[in-house]
Amino acid sequence: MAARVKFPGLAHAELALPTLFASELPAGIGALALAAIFSAEVSTADAILFMLATSLSQDLYRRFISPAASDRQLLRVARLAAVGGGLAAVGLALGSSSISRR
Protein backbone atom coordinates (compact mmCIF):
# COMPACT_ATOMS: atom_id res chain seq x y z
CA MET A 1 0.00 0.00 0.00
CA ALA A 2 2.86 2.37 0.76
CA ALA A 3 4.39 1.73 -2.66
CA ARG A 4 1.05 2.44 -4.35
CA VAL A 5 0.85 5.80 -2.57
CA LYS A 6 4.52 6.76 -3.13
CA PHE A 7 4.75 5.43 -6.71
CA PRO A 8 1.29 5.58 -8.32
CA GLY A 9 2.68 5.19 -11.84
CA LEU A 10 4.76 2.07 -11.14
CA ALA A 11 4.65 -0.01 -14.32
CA HIS A 12 5.22 -3.44 -12.74
CA ALA A 13 3.46 -4.30 -9.47
CA GLU A 14 6.06 -6.96 -8.62
CA LEU A 15 8.68 -4.22 -8.32
CA ALA A 16 6.76 -2.34 -5.61
CA LEU A 17 8.71 -3.66 -2.63
CA PRO A 18 12.21 -3.40 -4.17
CA THR A 19 11.43 0.10 -5.43
CA LEU A 20 10.19 1.14 -2.02
CA PHE A 21 13.26 -0.32 -0.30
CA ALA A 22 15.68 1.24 -2.78
CA SER A 23 14.23 4.73 -2.75
CA GLU A 24 12.73 5.25 0.70
CA LEU A 25 15.16 3.49 3.02
CA PRO A 26 18.83 4.17 3.70
CA ALA A 27 21.04 2.08 1.42
CA GLY A 28 22.25 -0.32 4.12
CA ILE A 29 18.80 -1.00 5.56
CA GLY A 30 17.26 -1.39 2.09
CA ALA A 31 19.97 -3.84 1.06
CA LEU A 32 19.51 -5.78 4.29
CA ALA A 33 15.74 -5.98 3.72
CA LEU A 34 16.20 -7.20 0.14
CA ALA A 35 18.76 -9.75 1.34
CA ALA A 36 16.25 -11.03 3.92
CA ILE A 37 13.62 -11.53 1.23
CA PHE A 38 16.11 -13.31 -1.03
CA SER A 39 17.21 -15.49 1.89
CA ALA A 40 13.61 -16.56 2.54
CA GLU A 41 13.16 -17.47 -1.13
CA VAL A 42 16.36 -19.53 -1.21
CA SER A 43 15.39 -21.26 2.03
CA THR A 44 12.03 -22.22 0.55
CA ALA A 45 13.64 -23.58 -2.61
CA ASP A 46 16.10 -25.57 -0.46
CA ALA A 47 13.28 -27.11 1.58
CA ILE A 48 11.37 -28.10 -1.57
CA LEU A 49 14.44 -29.72 -3.16
CA PHE A 50 15.22 -31.56 0.09
CA MET A 51 11.64 -32.86 0.30
CA LEU A 52 11.72 -33.96 -3.34
CA ALA A 53 15.07 -35.74 -2.97
CA THR A 54 14.05 -37.49 0.25
CA SER A 55 10.66 -38.55 -1.07
CA LEU A 56 12.05 -39.94 -4.30
CA SER A 57 14.98 -41.75 -2.72
CA GLN A 58 13.24 -43.15 0.36
CA ASP A 59 9.58 -43.47 -0.58
CA LEU A 60 9.90 -44.41 -4.24
CA TYR A 61 13.35 -45.88 -4.86
CA ARG A 62 13.87 -47.77 -1.59
CA ARG A 63 10.27 -48.92 -1.20
CA PHE A 64 9.43 -50.00 -4.76
CA ILE A 65 12.51 -50.13 -6.97
CA SER A 66 15.36 -51.42 -4.82
CA PRO A 67 14.44 -52.37 -1.23
CA ALA A 68 17.99 -53.62 -0.59
CA ALA A 69 19.63 -50.38 -1.76
CA SER A 70 22.73 -49.31 0.13
CA ASP A 71 23.14 -45.89 1.68
CA ARG A 72 25.51 -45.00 -1.15
CA GLN A 73 22.86 -45.81 -3.77
CA LEU A 74 20.21 -43.85 -1.87
CA LEU A 75 22.53 -40.85 -1.66
CA ARG A 76 23.14 -41.03 -5.41
CA VAL A 77 19.41 -41.20 -6.12
CA ALA A 78 18.73 -38.30 -3.73
CA ARG A 79 21.42 -36.16 -5.38
CA LEU A 80 20.11 -36.95 -8.86
CA ALA A 81 16.58 -36.10 -7.72
CA ALA A 82 17.75 -32.76 -6.28
CA VAL A 83 19.66 -31.86 -9.45
CA GLY A 84 16.76 -32.98 -11.63
CA GLY A 85 14.29 -30.98 -9.57
CA GLY A 86 16.50 -27.91 -9.74
CA LEU A 87 16.88 -28.22 -13.50
CA ALA A 88 13.13 -28.70 -13.89
CA ALA A 89 12.51 -25.56 -11.83
CA VAL A 90 14.93 -23.54 -13.96
CA GLY A 91 13.27 -24.87 -17.10
CA LEU A 92 9.83 -23.92 -15.82
CA ALA A 93 11.06 -20.47 -14.85
CA LEU A 94 12.61 -19.86 -18.26
CA GLY A 95 9.49 -21.06 -20.03
CA SER A 96 7.04 -19.15 -17.86
CA SER A 97 5.48 -16.00 -19.20
CA SER A 98 4.85 -14.68 -15.68
CA ILE A 99 8.58 -14.35 -14.98
CA SER A 100 9.86 -11.29 -16.76
CA ARG A 101 13.21 -11.35 -18.50
CA ARG A 102 15.27 -8.23 -18.15
PDB file of N, CA and C in Angstrom:
ATOM      1  N   MET A   1       0.829  -1.180   0.000  1.00  0.00           N
ATOM      2  CA  MET A   1       0.000   0.000   0.000  1.00  0.00           C
ATOM      3  C   MET A   1       0.880   1.252   0.000  1.00  0.00           C
ATOM      4  N   ALA A   2       1.958   1.212   0.732  1.00  0.00           N
ATOM      5  CA  ALA A   2       2.856   2.367   0.764  1.00  0.00           C
ATOM      6  C   ALA A   2       3.457   2.627  -0.610  1.00  0.00           C
ATOM      7  N   ALA A   3       3.809   1.571  -1.328  1.00  0.00           N
ATOM      8  CA  ALA A   3       4.386   1.734  -2.661  1.00  0.00           C
ATOM      9  C   ALA A   3       3.348   2.302  -3.626  1.00  0.00           C
ATOM     10  N   ARG A   4       2.102   1.915  -3.475  1.00  0.00           N
ATOM     11  CA  ARG A   4       1.050   2.442  -4.346  1.00  0.00           C
ATOM     12  C   ARG A   4       0.873   3.952  -4.132  1.00  0.00           C
ATOM     13  N   VAL A   5       0.985   4.377  -2.881  1.00  0.00           N
ATOM     14  CA  VAL A   5       0.850   5.804  -2.570  1.00  0.00           C
ATOM     15  C   VAL A   5       2.079   6.577  -3.046  1.00  0.00           C
ATOM     16  N   LYS A   6       3.278   6.057  -2.773  1.00  0.00           N
ATOM     17  CA  LYS A   6       4.516   6.763  -3.128  1.00  0.00           C
ATOM     18  C   LYS A   6       4.817   6.719  -4.629  1.00  0.00           C
ATOM     19  N   PHE A   7       4.441   5.622  -5.290  1.00  0.00           N
ATOM     20  CA  PHE A   7       4.753   5.434  -6.712  1.00  0.00           C
ATOM     21  C   PHE A   7       3.486   5.022  -7.466  1.00  0.00           C
ATOM     22  N   PRO A   8       2.561   5.948  -7.687  1.00  0.00           N
ATOM     23  CA  PRO A   8       1.287   5.584  -8.323  1.00  0.00           C
ATOM     24  C   PRO A   8       1.449   5.138  -9.779  1.00  0.00           C
ATOM     25  N   GLY A   9       2.490   5.550 -10.446  1.00  0.00           N
ATOM     26  CA  GLY A   9       2.678   5.186 -11.844  1.00  0.00           C
ATOM     27  C   GLY A   9       3.624   4.017 -12.048  1.00  0.00           C
ATOM     28  N   LEU A  10       3.835   3.202 -11.029  1.00  0.00           N
ATOM     29  CA  LEU A  10       4.761   2.071 -11.138  1.00  0.00           C
ATOM     30  C   LEU A  10       4.255   1.086 -12.184  1.00  0.00           C
ATOM     31  N   ALA A  11       5.081   0.817 -13.184  1.00  0.00           N
ATOM     32  CA  ALA A  11       4.651  -0.006 -14.320  1.00  0.00           C
ATOM     33  C   ALA A  11       4.450  -1.470 -13.948  1.00  0.00           C
ATOM     34  N   HIS A  12       5.293  -2.022 -13.094  1.00  0.00           N
ATOM     35  CA  HIS A  12       5.218  -3.438 -12.736  1.00  0.00           C
ATOM     36  C   HIS A  12       4.955  -3.563 -11.234  1.00  0.00           C
ATOM     37  N   ALA A  13       3.841  -4.169 -10.884  1.00  0.00           N
ATOM     38  CA  ALA A  13       3.460  -4.296  -9.473  1.00  0.00           C
ATOM     39  C   ALA A  13       4.453  -5.138  -8.681  1.00  0.00           C
ATOM     40  N   GLU A  14       5.120  -6.100  -9.342  1.00  0.00           N
ATOM     41  CA  GLU A  14       6.059  -6.959  -8.620  1.00  0.00           C
ATOM     42  C   GLU A  14       7.319  -6.213  -8.183  1.00  0.00           C
ATOM     43  N   LEU A  15       7.522  -5.023  -8.706  1.00  0.00           N
ATOM     44  CA  LEU A  15       8.680  -4.220  -8.325  1.00  0.00           C
ATOM     45  C   LEU A  15       8.369  -3.229  -7.206  1.00  0.00           C
ATOM     46  N   ALA A  16       7.173  -3.301  -6.637  1.00  0.00           N
ATOM     47  CA  ALA A  16       6.763  -2.339  -5.611  1.00  0.00           C
ATOM     48  C   ALA A  16       7.681  -2.389  -4.392  1.00  0.00           C
ATOM     49  N   LEU A  17       7.894  -3.555  -3.839  1.00  0.00           N
ATOM     50  CA  LEU A  17       8.706  -3.664  -2.631  1.00  0.00           C
ATOM     51  C   LEU A  17      10.176  -3.295  -2.876  1.00  0.00           C
ATOM     52  N   PRO A  18      10.827  -3.826  -3.927  1.00  0.00           N
ATOM     53  CA  PRO A  18      12.208  -3.405  -4.171  1.00  0.00           C
ATOM     54  C   PRO A  18      12.343  -1.904  -4.446  1.00  0.00           C
ATOM     55  N   THR A  19      11.383  -1.332  -5.164  1.00  0.00           N
ATOM     56  CA  THR A  19      11.428   0.102  -5.433  1.00  0.00           C
ATOM     57  C   THR A  19      11.294   0.897  -4.145  1.00  0.00           C
ATOM     58  N   LEU A  20      10.394   0.467  -3.300  1.00  0.00           N
ATOM     59  CA  LEU A  20      10.194   1.136  -2.018  1.00  0.00           C
ATOM     60  C   LEU A  20      11.447   1.044  -1.153  1.00  0.00           C
ATOM     61  N   PHE A  21      12.038  -0.142  -1.088  1.00  0.00           N
ATOM     62  CA  PHE A  21      13.258  -0.324  -0.298  1.00  0.00           C
ATOM     63  C   PHE A  21      14.408   0.514  -0.841  1.00  0.00           C
ATOM     64  N   ALA A  22      14.550   0.543  -2.164  1.00  0.00           N
ATOM     65  CA  ALA A  22      15.683   1.239  -2.775  1.00  0.00           C
ATOM     66  C   ALA A  22      15.572   2.753  -2.666  1.00  0.00           C
ATOM     67  N   SER A  23      14.354   3.279  -2.704  1.00  0.00           N
ATOM     68  CA  SER A  23      14.226   4.727  -2.746  1.00  0.00           C
ATOM     69  C   SER A  23      13.854   5.374  -1.414  1.00  0.00           C
ATOM     70  N   GLU A  24      13.230   4.639  -0.530  1.00  0.00           N
ATOM     71  CA  GLU A  24      12.731   5.247   0.700  1.00  0.00           C
ATOM     72  C   GLU A  24      13.527   4.880   1.952  1.00  0.00           C
ATOM     73  N   LEU A  25      14.371   3.891   1.870  1.00  0.00           N
ATOM     74  CA  LEU A  25      15.162   3.487   3.023  1.00  0.00           C
ATOM     75  C   LEU A  25      16.628   3.831   2.801  1.00  0.00           C
ATOM     76  N   PRO A  26      17.386   4.013   3.874  1.00  0.00           N
ATOM     77  CA  PRO A  26      18.833   4.169   3.699  1.00  0.00           C
ATOM     78  C   PRO A  26      19.414   2.940   2.991  1.00  0.00           C
ATOM     79  N   ALA A  27      20.481   3.142   2.267  1.00  0.00           N
ATOM     80  CA  ALA A  27      21.041   2.081   1.420  1.00  0.00           C
ATOM     81  C   ALA A  27      21.317   0.800   2.197  1.00  0.00           C
ATOM     82  N   GLY A  28      21.923   0.877   3.342  1.00  0.00           N
ATOM     83  CA  GLY A  28      22.254  -0.323   4.120  1.00  0.00           C
ATOM     84  C   GLY A  28      21.021  -1.070   4.593  1.00  0.00           C
ATOM     85  N   ILE A  29      20.029  -0.350   5.067  1.00  0.00           N
ATOM     86  CA  ILE A  29      18.804  -0.999   5.556  1.00  0.00           C
ATOM     87  C   ILE A  29      18.014  -1.587   4.390  1.00  0.00           C
ATOM     88  N   GLY A  30      17.947  -0.869   3.269  1.00  0.00           N
ATOM     89  CA  GLY A  30      17.257  -1.389   2.087  1.00  0.00           C
ATOM     90  C   GLY A  30      17.918  -2.649   1.563  1.00  0.00           C
ATOM     91  N   ALA A  31      19.244  -2.654   1.514  1.00  0.00           N
ATOM     92  CA  ALA A  31      19.973  -3.843   1.065  1.00  0.00           C
ATOM     93  C   ALA A  31      19.756  -5.012   2.012  1.00  0.00           C
ATOM     94  N   LEU A  32      19.749  -4.727   3.304  1.00  0.00           N
ATOM     95  CA  LEU A  32      19.507  -5.783   4.290  1.00  0.00           C
ATOM     96  C   LEU A  32      18.096  -6.352   4.146  1.00  0.00           C
ATOM     97  N   ALA A  33      17.119  -5.516   3.900  1.00  0.00           N
ATOM     98  CA  ALA A  33      15.742  -5.978   3.720  1.00  0.00           C
ATOM     99  C   ALA A  33      15.610  -6.833   2.464  1.00  0.00           C
ATOM    100  N   LEU A  34      16.232  -6.403   1.368  1.00  0.00           N
ATOM    101  CA  LEU A  34      16.197  -7.200   0.140  1.00  0.00           C
ATOM    102  C   LEU A  34      16.931  -8.527   0.325  1.00  0.00           C
ATOM    103  N   ALA A  35      18.031  -8.515   1.066  1.00  0.00           N
ATOM    104  CA  ALA A  35      18.762  -9.754   1.341  1.00  0.00           C
ATOM    105  C   ALA A  35      17.914 -10.705   2.179  1.00  0.00           C
ATOM    106  N   ALA A  36      17.126 -10.176   3.102  1.00  0.00           N
ATOM    107  CA  ALA A  36      16.252 -11.026   3.919  1.00  0.00           C
ATOM    108  C   ALA A  36      15.179 -11.685   3.065  1.00  0.00           C
ATOM    109  N   ILE A  37      14.624 -10.948   2.120  1.00  0.00           N
ATOM    110  CA  ILE A  37      13.619 -11.530   1.227  1.00  0.00           C
ATOM    111  C   ILE A  37      14.247 -12.609   0.352  1.00  0.00           C
ATOM    112  N   PHE A  38      15.415 -12.319  -0.204  1.00  0.00           N
ATOM    113  CA  PHE A  38      16.112 -13.310  -1.030  1.00  0.00           C
ATOM    114  C   PHE A  38      16.453 -14.552  -0.214  1.00  0.00           C
ATOM    115  N   SER A  39      16.880 -14.364   1.020  1.00  0.00           N
ATOM    116  CA  SER A  39      17.208 -15.488   1.891  1.00  0.00           C
ATOM    117  C   SER A  39      15.988 -16.371   2.137  1.00  0.00           C
ATOM    118  N   ALA A  40      14.835 -15.780   2.337  1.00  0.00           N
ATOM    119  CA  ALA A  40      13.607 -16.557   2.540  1.00  0.00           C
ATOM    120  C   ALA A  40      13.251 -17.349   1.289  1.00  0.00           C
ATOM    121  N   GLU A  41      13.450 -16.754   0.117  1.00  0.00           N
ATOM    122  CA  GLU A  41      13.161 -17.467  -1.133  1.00  0.00           C
ATOM    123  C   GLU A  41      14.105 -18.648  -1.326  1.00  0.00           C
ATOM    124  N   VAL A  42      15.380 -18.451  -1.061  1.00  0.00           N
ATOM    125  CA  VAL A  42      16.361 -19.529  -1.208  1.00  0.00           C
ATOM    126  C   VAL A  42      16.082 -20.646  -0.200  1.00  0.00           C
ATOM    127  N   SER A  43      15.708 -20.274   1.001  1.00  0.00           N
ATOM    128  CA  SER A  43      15.388 -21.264   2.025  1.00  0.00           C
ATOM    129  C   SER A  43      14.183 -22.113   1.618  1.00  0.00           C
ATOM    130  N   THR A  44      13.196 -21.485   1.019  1.00  0.00           N
ATOM    131  CA  THR A  44      12.025 -22.216   0.550  1.00  0.00           C
ATOM    132  C   THR A  44      12.398 -23.176  -0.571  1.00  0.00           C
ATOM    133  N   ALA A  45      13.203 -22.716  -1.513  1.00  0.00           N
ATOM    134  CA  ALA A  45      13.641 -23.583  -2.606  1.00  0.00           C
ATOM    135  C   ALA A  45      14.452 -24.760  -2.067  1.00  0.00           C
ATOM    136  N   ASP A  46      15.306 -24.513  -1.086  1.00  0.00           N
ATOM    137  CA  ASP A  46      16.097 -25.572  -0.465  1.00  0.00           C
ATOM    138  C   ASP A  46      15.197 -26.619   0.191  1.00  0.00           C
ATOM    139  N   ALA A  47      14.188 -26.181   0.904  1.00  0.00           N
ATOM    140  CA  ALA A  47      13.277 -27.113   1.578  1.00  0.00           C
ATOM    141  C   ALA A  47      12.511 -27.961   0.560  1.00  0.00           C
ATOM    142  N   ILE A  48      12.106 -27.351  -0.542  1.00  0.00           N
ATOM    143  CA  ILE A  48      11.370 -28.098  -1.568  1.00  0.00           C
ATOM    144  C   ILE A  48      12.275 -29.136  -2.227  1.00  0.00           C
ATOM    145  N   LEU A  49      13.510 -28.759  -2.554  1.00  0.00           N
ATOM    146  CA  LEU A  49      14.438 -29.722  -3.164  1.00  0.00           C
ATOM    147  C   LEU A  49      14.783 -30.849  -2.193  1.00  0.00           C
ATOM    148  N   PHE A  50      14.935 -30.534  -0.911  1.00  0.00           N
ATOM    149  CA  PHE A  50      15.224 -31.556   0.091  1.00  0.00           C
ATOM    150  C   PHE A  50      14.053 -32.535   0.209  1.00  0.00           C
ATOM    151  N   MET A  51      12.829 -32.006   0.220  1.00  0.00           N
ATOM    152  CA  MET A  51      11.642 -32.860   0.296  1.00  0.00           C
ATOM    153  C   MET A  51      11.532 -33.757  -0.935  1.00  0.00           C
ATOM    154  N   LEU A  52      11.788 -33.195  -2.103  1.00  0.00           N
ATOM    155  CA  LEU A  52      11.725 -33.964  -3.336  1.00  0.00           C
ATOM    156  C   LEU A  52      12.771 -35.080  -3.340  1.00  0.00           C
ATOM    157  N   ALA A  53      13.996 -34.746  -2.973  1.00  0.00           N
ATOM    158  CA  ALA A  53      15.071 -35.739  -2.969  1.00  0.00           C
ATOM    159  C   ALA A  53      14.797 -36.848  -1.961  1.00  0.00           C
ATOM    160  N   THR A  54      14.333 -36.491  -0.788  1.00  0.00           N
ATOM    161  CA  THR A  54      14.050 -37.491   0.246  1.00  0.00           C
ATOM    162  C   THR A  54      12.881 -38.378  -0.157  1.00  0.00           C
ATOM    163  N   SER A  55      11.835 -37.773  -0.672  1.00  0.00           N
ATOM    164  CA  SER A  55      10.659 -38.554  -1.072  1.00  0.00           C
ATOM    165  C   SER A  55      10.995 -39.531  -2.192  1.00  0.00           C
ATOM    166  N   LEU A  56      11.723 -39.049  -3.188  1.00  0.00           N
ATOM    167  CA  LEU A  56      12.052 -39.937  -4.301  1.00  0.00           C
ATOM    168  C   LEU A  56      13.011 -41.047  -3.894  1.00  0.00           C
ATOM    169  N   SER A  57      14.001 -40.719  -3.078  1.00  0.00           N
ATOM    170  CA  SER A  57      14.983 -41.750  -2.719  1.00  0.00           C
ATOM    171  C   SER A  57      14.419 -42.742  -1.702  1.00  0.00           C
ATOM    172  N   GLN A  58      13.726 -42.260  -0.699  1.00  0.00           N
ATOM    173  CA  GLN A  58      13.236 -43.154   0.356  1.00  0.00           C
ATOM    174  C   GLN A  58      11.893 -43.801  -0.005  1.00  0.00           C
ATOM    175  N   ASP A  59      10.928 -42.968  -0.381  1.00  0.00           N
ATOM    176  CA  ASP A  59       9.577 -43.471  -0.584  1.00  0.00           C
ATOM    177  C   ASP A  59       9.380 -44.187  -1.913  1.00  0.00           C
ATOM    178  N   LEU A  60      10.077 -43.775  -2.939  1.00  0.00           N
ATOM    179  CA  LEU A  60       9.902 -44.411  -4.242  1.00  0.00           C
ATOM    180  C   LEU A  60      10.998 -45.439  -4.523  1.00  0.00           C
ATOM    181  N   TYR A  61      12.251 -44.995  -4.480  1.00  0.00           N
ATOM    182  CA  TYR A  61      13.346 -45.883  -4.861  1.00  0.00           C
ATOM    183  C   TYR A  61      13.518 -47.044  -3.881  1.00  0.00           C
ATOM    184  N   ARG A  62      13.624 -46.709  -2.579  1.00  0.00           N
ATOM    185  CA  ARG A  62      13.871 -47.767  -1.592  1.00  0.00           C
ATOM    186  C   ARG A  62      12.653 -48.672  -1.415  1.00  0.00           C
ATOM    187  N   ARG A  63      11.468 -48.125  -1.444  1.00  0.00           N
ATOM    188  CA  ARG A  63      10.270 -48.917  -1.198  1.00  0.00           C
ATOM    189  C   ARG A  63       9.884 -49.794  -2.380  1.00  0.00           C
ATOM    190  N   PHE A  64       9.960 -49.260  -3.617  1.00  0.00           N
ATOM    191  CA  PHE A  64       9.426 -49.995  -4.761  1.00  0.00           C
ATOM    192  C   PHE A  64      10.479 -50.501  -5.739  1.00  0.00           C
ATOM    193  N   ILE A  65      11.546 -49.767  -5.933  1.00  0.00           N
ATOM    194  CA  ILE A  65      12.510 -50.131  -6.974  1.00  0.00           C
ATOM    195  C   ILE A  65      13.617 -51.029  -6.449  1.00  0.00           C
ATOM    196  N   SER A  66      14.245 -50.648  -5.347  1.00  0.00           N
ATOM    197  CA  SER A  66      15.363 -51.420  -4.819  1.00  0.00           C
ATOM    198  C   SER A  66      15.328 -51.426  -3.288  1.00  0.00           C
ATOM    199  N   PRO A  67      14.542 -52.337  -2.700  1.00  0.00           N
ATOM    200  CA  PRO A  67      14.444 -52.367  -1.233  1.00  0.00           C
ATOM    201  C   PRO A  67      15.780 -52.641  -0.531  1.00  0.00           C
ATOM    202  N   ALA A  68      16.707 -53.296  -1.206  1.00  0.00           N
ATOM    203  CA  ALA A  68      17.992 -53.619  -0.594  1.00  0.00           C
ATOM    204  C   ALA A  68      19.068 -52.586  -0.947  1.00  0.00           C
ATOM    205  N   ALA A  69      18.665 -51.405  -1.338  1.00  0.00           N
ATOM    206  CA  ALA A  69      19.629 -50.384  -1.757  1.00  0.00           C
ATOM    207  C   ALA A  69      20.517 -49.965  -0.582  1.00  0.00           C
ATOM    208  N   SER A  70      21.785 -49.766  -0.897  1.00  0.00           N
ATOM    209  CA  SER A  70      22.728 -49.309   0.131  1.00  0.00           C
ATOM    210  C   SER A  70      22.564 -47.802   0.348  1.00  0.00           C
ATOM    211  N   ASP A  71      23.183 -47.324   1.414  1.00  0.00           N
ATOM    212  CA  ASP A  71      23.137 -45.886   1.679  1.00  0.00           C
ATOM    213  C   ASP A  71      23.794 -45.096   0.548  1.00  0.00           C
ATOM    214  N   ARG A  72      24.827 -45.656  -0.034  1.00  0.00           N
ATOM    215  CA  ARG A  72      25.513 -44.996  -1.147  1.00  0.00           C
ATOM    216  C   ARG A  72      24.582 -44.843  -2.353  1.00  0.00           C
ATOM    217  N   GLN A  73      23.817 -45.888  -2.659  1.00  0.00           N
ATOM    218  CA  GLN A  73      22.859 -45.815  -3.769  1.00  0.00           C
ATOM    219  C   GLN A  73      21.747 -44.803  -3.475  1.00  0.00           C
ATOM    220  N   LEU A  74      21.259 -44.809  -2.238  1.00  0.00           N
ATOM    221  CA  LEU A  74      20.213 -43.853  -1.871  1.00  0.00           C
ATOM    222  C   LEU A  74      20.712 -42.414  -1.971  1.00  0.00           C
ATOM    223  N   LEU A  75      21.956 -42.184  -1.563  1.00  0.00           N
ATOM    224  CA  LEU A  75      22.531 -40.852  -1.663  1.00  0.00           C
ATOM    225  C   LEU A  75      22.640 -40.425  -3.122  1.00  0.00           C
ATOM    226  N   ARG A  76      23.045 -41.337  -3.985  1.00  0.00           N
ATOM    227  CA  ARG A  76      23.144 -41.027  -5.413  1.00  0.00           C
ATOM    228  C   ARG A  76      21.775 -40.681  -5.986  1.00  0.00           C
ATOM    229  N   VAL A  77      20.763 -41.464  -5.641  1.00  0.00           N
ATOM    230  CA  VAL A  77      19.406 -41.200  -6.122  1.00  0.00           C
ATOM    231  C   VAL A  77      18.912 -39.855  -5.593  1.00  0.00           C
ATOM    232  N   ALA A  78      19.166 -39.570  -4.322  1.00  0.00           N
ATOM    233  CA  ALA A  78      18.733 -38.297  -3.735  1.00  0.00           C
ATOM    234  C   ALA A  78      19.421 -37.120  -4.429  1.00  0.00           C
ATOM    235  N   ARG A  79      20.697 -37.241  -4.700  1.00  0.00           N
ATOM    236  CA  ARG A  79      21.418 -36.160  -5.384  1.00  0.00           C
ATOM    237  C   ARG A  79      20.899 -35.962  -6.800  1.00  0.00           C
ATOM    238  N   LEU A  80      20.655 -37.054  -7.497  1.00  0.00           N
ATOM    239  CA  LEU A  80      20.107 -36.947  -8.856  1.00  0.00           C
ATOM    240  C   LEU A  80      18.719 -36.320  -8.834  1.00  0.00           C
ATOM    241  N   ALA A  81      17.920 -36.683  -7.847  1.00  0.00           N
ATOM    242  CA  ALA A  81      16.579 -36.097  -7.725  1.00  0.00           C
ATOM    243  C   ALA A  81      16.665 -34.601  -7.444  1.00  0.00           C
ATOM    244  N   ALA A  82      17.591 -34.187  -6.593  1.00  0.00           N
ATOM    245  CA  ALA A  82      17.751 -32.762  -6.280  1.00  0.00           C
ATOM    246  C   ALA A  82      18.211 -31.988  -7.511  1.00  0.00           C
ATOM    247  N   VAL A  83      19.182 -32.536  -8.239  1.00  0.00           N
ATOM    248  CA  VAL A  83      19.661 -31.864  -9.447  1.00  0.00           C
ATOM    249  C   VAL A  83      18.564 -31.829 -10.502  1.00  0.00           C
ATOM    250  N   GLY A  84      17.865 -32.940 -10.669  1.00  0.00           N
ATOM    251  CA  GLY A  84      16.760 -32.979 -11.631  1.00  0.00           C
ATOM    252  C   GLY A  84      15.651 -32.003 -11.272  1.00  0.00           C
ATOM    253  N   GLY A  85      15.309 -31.924 -10.006  1.00  0.00           N
ATOM    254  CA  GLY A  85      14.293 -30.978  -9.565  1.00  0.00           C
ATOM    255  C   GLY A  85      14.723 -29.538  -9.780  1.00  0.00           C
ATOM    256  N   GLY A  86      15.990 -29.254  -9.503  1.00  0.00           N
ATOM    257  CA  GLY A  86      16.504 -27.907  -9.736  1.00  0.00           C
ATOM    258  C   GLY A  86      16.491 -27.536 -11.210  1.00  0.00           C
ATOM    259  N   LEU A  87      16.898 -28.476 -12.064  1.00  0.00           N
ATOM    260  CA  LEU A  87      16.885 -28.224 -13.504  1.00  0.00           C
ATOM    261  C   LEU A  87      15.459 -28.047 -14.021  1.00  0.00           C
ATOM    262  N   ALA A  88      14.539 -28.839 -13.496  1.00  0.00           N
ATOM    263  CA  ALA A  88      13.133 -28.695 -13.889  1.00  0.00           C
ATOM    264  C   ALA A  88      12.591 -27.329 -13.477  1.00  0.00           C
ATOM    265  N   ALA A  89      12.960 -26.874 -12.300  1.00  0.00           N
ATOM    266  CA  ALA A  89      12.509 -25.559 -11.833  1.00  0.00           C
ATOM    267  C   ALA A  89      13.072 -24.446 -12.711  1.00  0.00           C
ATOM    268  N   VAL A  90      14.333 -24.550 -13.078  1.00  0.00           N
ATOM    269  CA  VAL A  90      14.935 -23.540 -13.958  1.00  0.00           C
ATOM    270  C   VAL A  90      14.246 -23.564 -15.313  1.00  0.00           C
ATOM    271  N   GLY A  91      13.974 -24.751 -15.827  1.00  0.00           N
ATOM    272  CA  GLY A  91      13.266 -24.871 -17.105  1.00  0.00           C
ATOM    273  C   GLY A  91      11.881 -24.263 -17.056  1.00  0.00           C
ATOM    274  N   LEU A  92      11.159 -24.525 -15.974  1.00  0.00           N
ATOM    275  CA  LEU A  92       9.829 -23.921 -15.824  1.00  0.00           C
ATOM    276  C   LEU A  92       9.916 -22.406 -15.723  1.00  0.00           C
ATOM    277  N   ALA A  93      10.909 -21.915 -15.001  1.00  0.00           N
ATOM    278  CA  ALA A  93      11.060 -20.470 -14.853  1.00  0.00           C
ATOM    279  C   ALA A  93      11.385 -19.808 -16.188  1.00  0.00           C
ATOM    280  N   LEU A  94      12.256 -20.433 -16.963  1.00  0.00           N
ATOM    281  CA  LEU A  94      12.614 -19.863 -18.260  1.00  0.00           C
ATOM    282  C   LEU A  94      11.452 -19.908 -19.242  1.00  0.00           C
ATOM    283  N   GLY A  95      10.612 -20.920 -19.127  1.00  0.00           N
ATOM    284  CA  GLY A  95       9.489 -21.060 -20.031  1.00  0.00           C
ATOM    285  C   GLY A  95       8.228 -20.338 -19.593  1.00  0.00           C
ATOM    286  N   SER A  96       8.231 -19.805 -18.402  1.00  0.00           N
ATOM    287  CA  SER A  96       7.040 -19.154 -17.859  1.00  0.00           C
ATOM    288  C   SER A  96       6.904 -17.727 -18.368  1.00  0.00           C
ATOM    289  N   SER A  97       5.709 -17.369 -18.738  1.00  0.00           N
ATOM    290  CA  SER A  97       5.478 -15.996 -19.198  1.00  0.00           C
ATOM    291  C   SER A  97       5.300 -15.035 -18.032  1.00  0.00           C
ATOM    292  N   SER A  98       5.057 -15.560 -16.823  1.00  0.00           N
ATOM    293  CA  SER A  98       4.847 -14.676 -15.677  1.00  0.00           C
ATOM    294  C   SER A  98       6.167 -14.201 -15.072  1.00  0.00           C
ATOM    295  N   ILE A  99       7.273 -14.786 -15.466  1.00  0.00           N
ATOM    296  CA  ILE A  99       8.580 -14.352 -14.975  1.00  0.00           C
ATOM    297  C   ILE A  99       9.200 -13.489 -16.055  1.00  0.00           C
ATOM    298  N   SER A 100       9.372 -12.222 -15.735  1.00  0.00           N
ATOM    299  CA  SER A 100       9.864 -11.294 -16.756  1.00  0.00           C
ATOM    300  C   SER A 100      11.359 -11.465 -16.952  1.00  0.00           C
ATOM    301  N   ARG A 101      11.779 -11.266 -18.169  1.00  0.00           N
ATOM    302  CA  ARG A 101      13.209 -11.355 -18.501  1.00  0.00           C
ATOM    303  C   ARG A 101      13.726  -9.953 -18.743  1.00  0.00           C
ATOM    304  N   ARG A 102      14.711  -9.583 -17.988  1.00  0.00           N
ATOM    305  CA  ARG A 102      15.273  -8.229 -18.148  1.00  0.00           C
ATOM    306  C   ARG A 102      16.741  -8.332 -18.446  1.00  0.00           C
TER     307      ARG A 102
END
